[in-house]
Amino acid sequence: MLLVLLAAGGCSSGDANPEASSDASVFASAAVATAPTLAAATAIGLTNAKMPLPGLVTGGQPTPQQLAALREAGFNHFVSLRPAAEDGAGWEETTVGAPSTFARIAVAGGSGLT
């Protein structure tokens, strides 16, 4: 799956295999006033970071340290596409704290898209 960071929105995919737990999806959004950038997401090592639309950054599952760095870079809304029961998922809810927000839209791999 993947991480989507939104300066005003966000989305991307890394691994061609949607079933791969290492390709976890998380979306993140940031306030336009802070203008987080693709360069900021790339600088912290976010896997497969892309900016498909202005203000929208997507990428692979961040580590807790990368998530903290993304918040410091101005990203403040995060969405995970990983089911909470997926191996390695579930820590994001407790890591993303106010004033940032977190939501989970569980997509069970390719079969969860149809």
N, C-alpha and C. Protein backbone atom coordinates (compact mmCIF):
# COMPACT_ATOMS: atom_id res chain seq x y z
N MET A 1 0.85 -1.17 0.00
CA MET A 1 0.00 0.00 0.00
C MET A 1 0.90 1.24 0.00
N LEU A 2 0.45 2.42 0.48
CA LEU A 2 1.28 3.60 0.36
C LEU A 2 0.90 4.72 1.29
N LEU A 3 1.76 5.67 1.42
CA LEU A 3 1.52 6.86 2.23
C LEU A 3 1.21 8.01 1.32
N VAL A 4 0.16 8.72 1.63
CA VAL A 4 -0.18 9.87 0.82
C VAL A 4 -0.10 11.10 1.71
N LEU A 5 0.72 12.02 1.34
CA LEU A 5 0.93 13.23 2.10
C LEU A 5 0.33 14.39 1.34
N LEU A 6 -0.54 15.09 1.95
CA LEU A 6 -1.22 16.15 1.23
C LEU A 6 -0.81 17.52 1.75
N ALA A 7 -0.24 18.32 0.88
CA ALA A 7 -0.02 19.71 1.22
C ALA A 7 -1.37 20.36 1.06
N ALA A 8 -2.15 19.76 0.23
CA ALA A 8 -3.56 20.07 0.05
C ALA A 8 -4.27 18.79 -0.33
N GLY A 9 -3.54 17.68 -0.48
CA GLY A 9 -4.05 16.36 -0.83
C GLY A 9 -2.91 15.38 -1.03
N GLY A 10 -3.10 13.98 -1.38
CA GLY A 10 -1.99 13.09 -1.65
C GLY A 10 -2.25 11.68 -2.12
N CYS A 11 -1.34 11.06 -3.00
CA CYS A 11 -1.52 9.67 -3.49
C CYS A 11 -0.35 9.12 -4.33
N SER A 12 0.05 7.77 -4.17
CA SER A 12 1.06 7.11 -5.02
C SER A 12 1.14 5.63 -4.70
N SER A 13 1.69 4.85 -5.59
CA SER A 13 1.91 3.45 -5.28
C SER A 13 3.34 3.09 -5.61
N GLY A 14 3.88 2.15 -4.84
CA GLY A 14 5.25 1.78 -5.07
C GLY A 14 5.34 0.42 -5.71
N ASP A 15 5.07 -0.64 -4.95
CA ASP A 15 5.22 -2.00 -5.39
C ASP A 15 4.10 -2.39 -6.34
N ALA A 16 4.44 -3.12 -7.37
CA ALA A 16 3.43 -3.56 -8.33
C ALA A 16 2.52 -4.60 -7.70
N ASN A 17 2.93 -5.23 -6.61
CA ASN A 17 2.13 -6.22 -5.92
C ASN A 17 1.34 -5.55 -4.81
N PRO A 18 0.02 -5.32 -4.99
CA PRO A 18 -0.77 -4.63 -3.97
C PRO A 18 -0.93 -5.44 -2.71
N GLU A 19 -0.60 -6.74 -2.76
CA GLU A 19 -0.71 -7.59 -1.58
C GLU A 19 0.49 -7.44 -0.66
N ALA A 20 1.58 -6.84 -1.11
CA ALA A 20 2.81 -6.74 -0.34
C ALA A 20 2.63 -5.82 0.86
N SER A 21 2.85 -6.36 2.07
CA SER A 21 2.66 -5.55 3.27
C SER A 21 3.71 -4.45 3.39
N SER A 22 4.86 -4.60 2.72
CA SER A 22 5.88 -3.56 2.77
C SER A 22 5.49 -2.36 1.93
N ASP A 23 4.48 -2.51 1.09
CA ASP A 23 4.00 -1.42 0.24
C ASP A 23 2.73 -0.83 0.85
N ALA A 24 2.73 -0.61 2.17
CA ALA A 24 1.55 -0.15 2.89
C ALA A 24 1.15 1.24 2.49
N SER A 25 -0.15 1.46 2.42
CA SER A 25 -0.65 2.76 1.98
C SER A 25 -1.07 3.63 3.14
N VAL A 26 -0.55 4.79 3.13
CA VAL A 26 -0.94 5.79 4.11
C VAL A 26 -1.02 7.10 3.36
N PHE A 27 -2.08 7.82 3.54
CA PHE A 27 -2.24 9.12 2.90
C PHE A 27 -2.01 10.18 3.95
N ALA A 28 -1.40 11.27 3.59
CA ALA A 28 -1.17 12.35 4.54
C ALA A 28 -1.42 13.69 3.86
N SER A 29 -1.95 14.60 4.60
CA SER A 29 -2.26 15.90 4.05
C SER A 29 -1.65 16.97 4.93
N ALA A 30 -1.29 18.09 4.34
CA ALA A 30 -0.72 19.17 5.12
C ALA A 30 -1.41 20.48 4.79
N ALA A 31 -1.39 21.39 5.72
CA ALA A 31 -2.00 22.70 5.52
C ALA A 31 -1.28 23.44 4.41
N VAL A 32 -2.03 24.09 3.56
CA VAL A 32 -1.44 24.83 2.44
C VAL A 32 -0.52 25.94 2.93
N ALA A 33 -0.84 26.51 4.09
CA ALA A 33 -0.05 27.62 4.63
C ALA A 33 1.40 27.23 4.85
N THR A 34 1.69 25.97 5.22
CA THR A 34 3.05 25.54 5.48
C THR A 34 3.76 25.05 4.22
N ALA A 35 3.00 24.82 3.16
CA ALA A 35 3.53 24.41 1.87
C ALA A 35 4.56 23.29 1.94
N PRO A 36 4.20 22.12 2.50
CA PRO A 36 5.11 20.98 2.45
C PRO A 36 5.35 20.58 1.00
N THR A 37 6.50 20.03 0.74
CA THR A 37 6.89 19.76 -0.64
C THR A 37 7.31 18.31 -0.86
N LEU A 38 7.36 17.94 -2.12
CA LEU A 38 7.89 16.63 -2.48
C LEU A 38 9.34 16.52 -2.04
N ALA A 39 10.08 17.61 -2.17
CA ALA A 39 11.49 17.60 -1.75
C ALA A 39 11.61 17.27 -0.27
N ALA A 40 10.70 17.78 0.55
CA ALA A 40 10.74 17.49 1.98
C ALA A 40 10.49 16.02 2.24
N ALA A 41 9.50 15.44 1.55
CA ALA A 41 9.20 14.01 1.73
C ALA A 41 10.35 13.15 1.24
N THR A 42 10.96 13.54 0.13
CA THR A 42 12.09 12.80 -0.43
C THR A 42 13.32 12.89 0.48
N ALA A 43 13.55 14.07 1.04
CA ALA A 43 14.72 14.30 1.90
C ALA A 43 14.72 13.41 3.14
N ILE A 44 13.54 13.05 3.64
CA ILE A 44 13.50 12.19 4.83
C ILE A 44 13.54 10.72 4.46
N GLY A 45 13.58 10.42 3.16
CA GLY A 45 13.71 9.04 2.71
C GLY A 45 12.39 8.32 2.52
N LEU A 46 11.29 9.04 2.32
CA LEU A 46 10.01 8.40 2.09
C LEU A 46 10.08 7.61 0.78
N THR A 47 9.84 6.32 0.86
CA THR A 47 9.90 5.43 -0.28
C THR A 47 8.86 5.79 -1.33
N ASN A 48 9.27 5.80 -2.58
CA ASN A 48 8.37 6.02 -3.72
C ASN A 48 7.59 7.34 -3.64
N ALA A 49 8.18 8.36 -3.05
CA ALA A 49 7.49 9.65 -2.93
C ALA A 49 7.22 10.23 -4.31
N LYS A 50 5.99 10.66 -4.52
CA LYS A 50 5.55 11.26 -5.78
C LYS A 50 4.61 12.42 -5.46
N MET A 51 4.44 13.34 -6.43
CA MET A 51 3.48 14.43 -6.29
C MET A 51 2.60 14.43 -7.54
N PRO A 52 1.52 13.63 -7.53
CA PRO A 52 0.66 13.54 -8.71
C PRO A 52 -0.13 14.82 -8.99
N LEU A 53 -0.36 15.60 -7.96
CA LEU A 53 -1.07 16.88 -8.07
C LEU A 53 -0.37 17.89 -7.18
N PRO A 54 -0.45 19.16 -7.50
CA PRO A 54 0.14 20.17 -6.62
C PRO A 54 -0.42 20.03 -5.20
N GLY A 55 0.46 19.96 -4.23
CA GLY A 55 0.05 19.85 -2.84
C GLY A 55 -0.32 18.46 -2.38
N LEU A 56 -0.15 17.45 -3.23
CA LEU A 56 -0.49 16.07 -2.90
C LEU A 56 0.74 15.21 -3.05
N VAL A 57 1.18 14.59 -1.96
CA VAL A 57 2.35 13.73 -1.99
C VAL A 57 1.94 12.34 -1.55
N THR A 58 2.42 11.33 -2.26
CA THR A 58 2.16 9.94 -1.90
C THR A 58 3.48 9.20 -1.75
N GLY A 59 3.43 8.07 -1.08
CA GLY A 59 4.64 7.29 -0.93
C GLY A 59 4.38 6.02 -0.15
N GLY A 60 5.46 5.29 0.08
CA GLY A 60 5.37 4.04 0.83
C GLY A 60 5.14 4.29 2.32
N GLN A 61 4.93 3.21 3.04
CA GLN A 61 4.69 3.27 4.48
C GLN A 61 5.87 3.94 5.18
N PRO A 62 5.62 5.02 5.91
CA PRO A 62 6.73 5.67 6.63
C PRO A 62 7.04 4.93 7.93
N THR A 63 8.25 5.11 8.40
CA THR A 63 8.62 4.63 9.73
C THR A 63 8.08 5.65 10.74
N PRO A 64 8.04 5.30 12.01
CA PRO A 64 7.63 6.30 13.01
C PRO A 64 8.51 7.55 12.97
N GLN A 65 9.79 7.39 12.72
CA GLN A 65 10.70 8.53 12.64
C GLN A 65 10.38 9.39 11.41
N GLN A 66 10.09 8.76 10.29
CA GLN A 66 9.73 9.50 9.09
C GLN A 66 8.39 10.22 9.27
N LEU A 67 7.45 9.58 9.95
CA LEU A 67 6.17 10.22 10.20
C LEU A 67 6.35 11.49 11.04
N ALA A 68 7.21 11.41 12.04
CA ALA A 68 7.50 12.60 12.86
C ALA A 68 8.15 13.69 12.01
N ALA A 69 9.07 13.29 11.12
CA ALA A 69 9.74 14.26 10.26
C ALA A 69 8.75 14.88 9.26
N LEU A 70 7.80 14.09 8.78
CA LEU A 70 6.78 14.62 7.88
C LEU A 70 5.93 15.67 8.59
N ARG A 71 5.59 15.40 9.84
CA ARG A 71 4.82 16.38 10.62
C ARG A 71 5.63 17.66 10.78
N GLU A 72 6.92 17.52 11.07
CA GLU A 72 7.79 18.71 11.22
C GLU A 72 7.90 19.48 9.91
N ALA A 73 7.77 18.76 8.77
CA ALA A 73 7.87 19.40 7.45
C ALA A 73 6.55 20.06 7.03
N GLY A 74 5.53 19.94 7.87
CA GLY A 74 4.27 20.61 7.58
C GLY A 74 3.12 19.72 7.15
N PHE A 75 3.36 18.43 7.01
CA PHE A 75 2.28 17.51 6.69
C PHE A 75 1.48 17.26 7.96
N ASN A 76 0.15 17.36 7.88
CA ASN A 76 -0.60 17.17 9.12
C ASN A 76 -1.87 16.35 8.98
N HIS A 77 -2.18 15.83 7.81
CA HIS A 77 -3.33 14.94 7.65
C HIS A 77 -2.84 13.67 7.00
N PHE A 78 -3.06 12.54 7.65
CA PHE A 78 -2.55 11.26 7.19
C PHE A 78 -3.69 10.27 7.05
N VAL A 79 -3.66 9.48 5.99
CA VAL A 79 -4.66 8.45 5.73
C VAL A 79 -3.92 7.17 5.37
N SER A 80 -4.26 6.09 6.05
CA SER A 80 -3.66 4.80 5.75
C SER A 80 -4.67 3.94 5.00
N LEU A 81 -4.21 3.26 3.97
CA LEU A 81 -5.05 2.33 3.24
C LEU A 81 -4.85 0.90 3.73
N ARG A 82 -4.00 0.73 4.73
CA ARG A 82 -3.73 -0.61 5.26
C ARG A 82 -4.82 -1.02 6.24
N PRO A 83 -5.31 -2.27 6.15
CA PRO A 83 -6.22 -2.76 7.19
C PRO A 83 -5.48 -2.77 8.53
N ALA A 84 -6.14 -2.42 9.61
CA ALA A 84 -5.50 -2.38 10.93
C ALA A 84 -4.93 -3.74 11.33
N ALA A 85 -5.55 -4.82 10.85
CA ALA A 85 -5.09 -6.17 11.19
C ALA A 85 -3.88 -6.61 10.37
N GLU A 86 -3.49 -5.85 9.35
CA GLU A 86 -2.34 -6.22 8.53
C GLU A 86 -1.07 -6.16 9.37
N ASP A 87 -0.20 -7.13 9.15
CA ASP A 87 1.06 -7.19 9.90
C ASP A 87 1.82 -5.88 9.76
N GLY A 88 2.19 -5.28 10.87
CA GLY A 88 2.95 -4.04 10.87
C GLY A 88 2.12 -2.78 10.87
N ALA A 89 0.80 -2.91 10.79
CA ALA A 89 -0.09 -1.75 10.79
C ALA A 89 -0.66 -1.53 12.20
N GLY A 90 -1.23 -0.35 12.40
CA GLY A 90 -1.92 -0.08 13.66
C GLY A 90 -1.21 0.91 14.56
N TRP A 91 0.08 1.11 14.37
CA TRP A 91 0.83 2.03 15.23
C TRP A 91 0.57 3.49 14.88
N GLU A 92 0.11 3.75 13.65
CA GLU A 92 -0.04 5.12 13.17
C GLU A 92 -1.04 5.92 14.00
N GLU A 93 -2.14 5.27 14.41
CA GLU A 93 -3.17 5.98 15.18
C GLU A 93 -2.61 6.62 16.44
N THR A 94 -1.70 5.94 17.09
CA THR A 94 -1.14 6.48 18.34
C THR A 94 0.05 7.40 18.10
N THR A 95 0.65 7.32 16.93
CA THR A 95 1.82 8.15 16.62
C THR A 95 1.42 9.53 16.10
N VAL A 96 0.36 9.59 15.31
CA VAL A 96 -0.11 10.86 14.77
C VAL A 96 -0.97 11.51 15.85
N GLY A 97 -0.48 12.61 16.39
CA GLY A 97 -1.22 13.30 17.45
C GLY A 97 -1.60 14.71 17.03
N ALA A 98 -2.44 15.32 17.83
CA ALA A 98 -2.90 16.69 17.55
C ALA A 98 -1.70 17.60 17.40
N PRO A 99 -1.75 18.55 16.50
CA PRO A 99 -2.91 18.95 15.71
C PRO A 99 -3.07 18.16 14.42
N SER A 100 -2.26 17.14 14.19
CA SER A 100 -2.39 16.32 12.99
C SER A 100 -3.59 15.39 13.12
N THR A 101 -4.07 14.91 11.97
CA THR A 101 -5.19 13.97 11.97
C THR A 101 -4.80 12.71 11.22
N PHE A 102 -5.47 11.61 11.57
CA PHE A 102 -5.20 10.32 10.96
C PHE A 102 -6.52 9.63 10.68
N ALA A 103 -6.64 9.00 9.53
CA ALA A 103 -7.81 8.19 9.19
C ALA A 103 -7.33 6.91 8.52
N ARG A 104 -8.11 5.85 8.67
CA ARG A 104 -7.77 4.59 8.04
C ARG A 104 -8.91 4.21 7.10
N ILE A 105 -8.56 3.96 5.84
CA ILE A 105 -9.50 3.45 4.84
C ILE A 105 -8.92 2.12 4.42
N ALA A 106 -9.36 1.07 5.09
CA ALA A 106 -8.77 -0.27 4.89
C ALA A 106 -9.07 -0.81 3.49
N VAL A 107 -8.00 -1.09 2.74
CA VAL A 107 -8.10 -1.70 1.41
C VAL A 107 -7.33 -3.00 1.49
N ALA A 108 -8.06 -4.11 1.33
CA ALA A 108 -7.44 -5.43 1.45
C ALA A 108 -6.80 -5.84 0.14
N GLY A 109 -5.66 -5.21 -0.20
CA GLY A 109 -4.94 -5.54 -1.43
C GLY A 109 -5.78 -5.32 -2.67
N GLY A 110 -5.45 -6.00 -3.74
CA GLY A 110 -6.15 -5.85 -5.01
C GLY A 110 -7.61 -6.22 -4.91
N SER A 111 -7.94 -7.24 -4.11
CA SER A 111 -9.33 -7.66 -3.98
C SER A 111 -10.18 -6.62 -3.26
N GLY A 112 -9.55 -5.72 -2.50
CA GLY A 112 -10.30 -4.69 -1.80
C GLY A 112 -10.62 -3.48 -2.65
N LEU A 113 -10.16 -3.48 -3.90
CA LEU A 113 -10.38 -2.34 -4.79
C LEU A 113 -11.65 -2.48 -5.61
N THR A 114 -12.23 -3.67 -5.67
CA THR A 114 -13.44 -3.87 -6.49
C THR A 114 -14.64 -4.19 -5.65
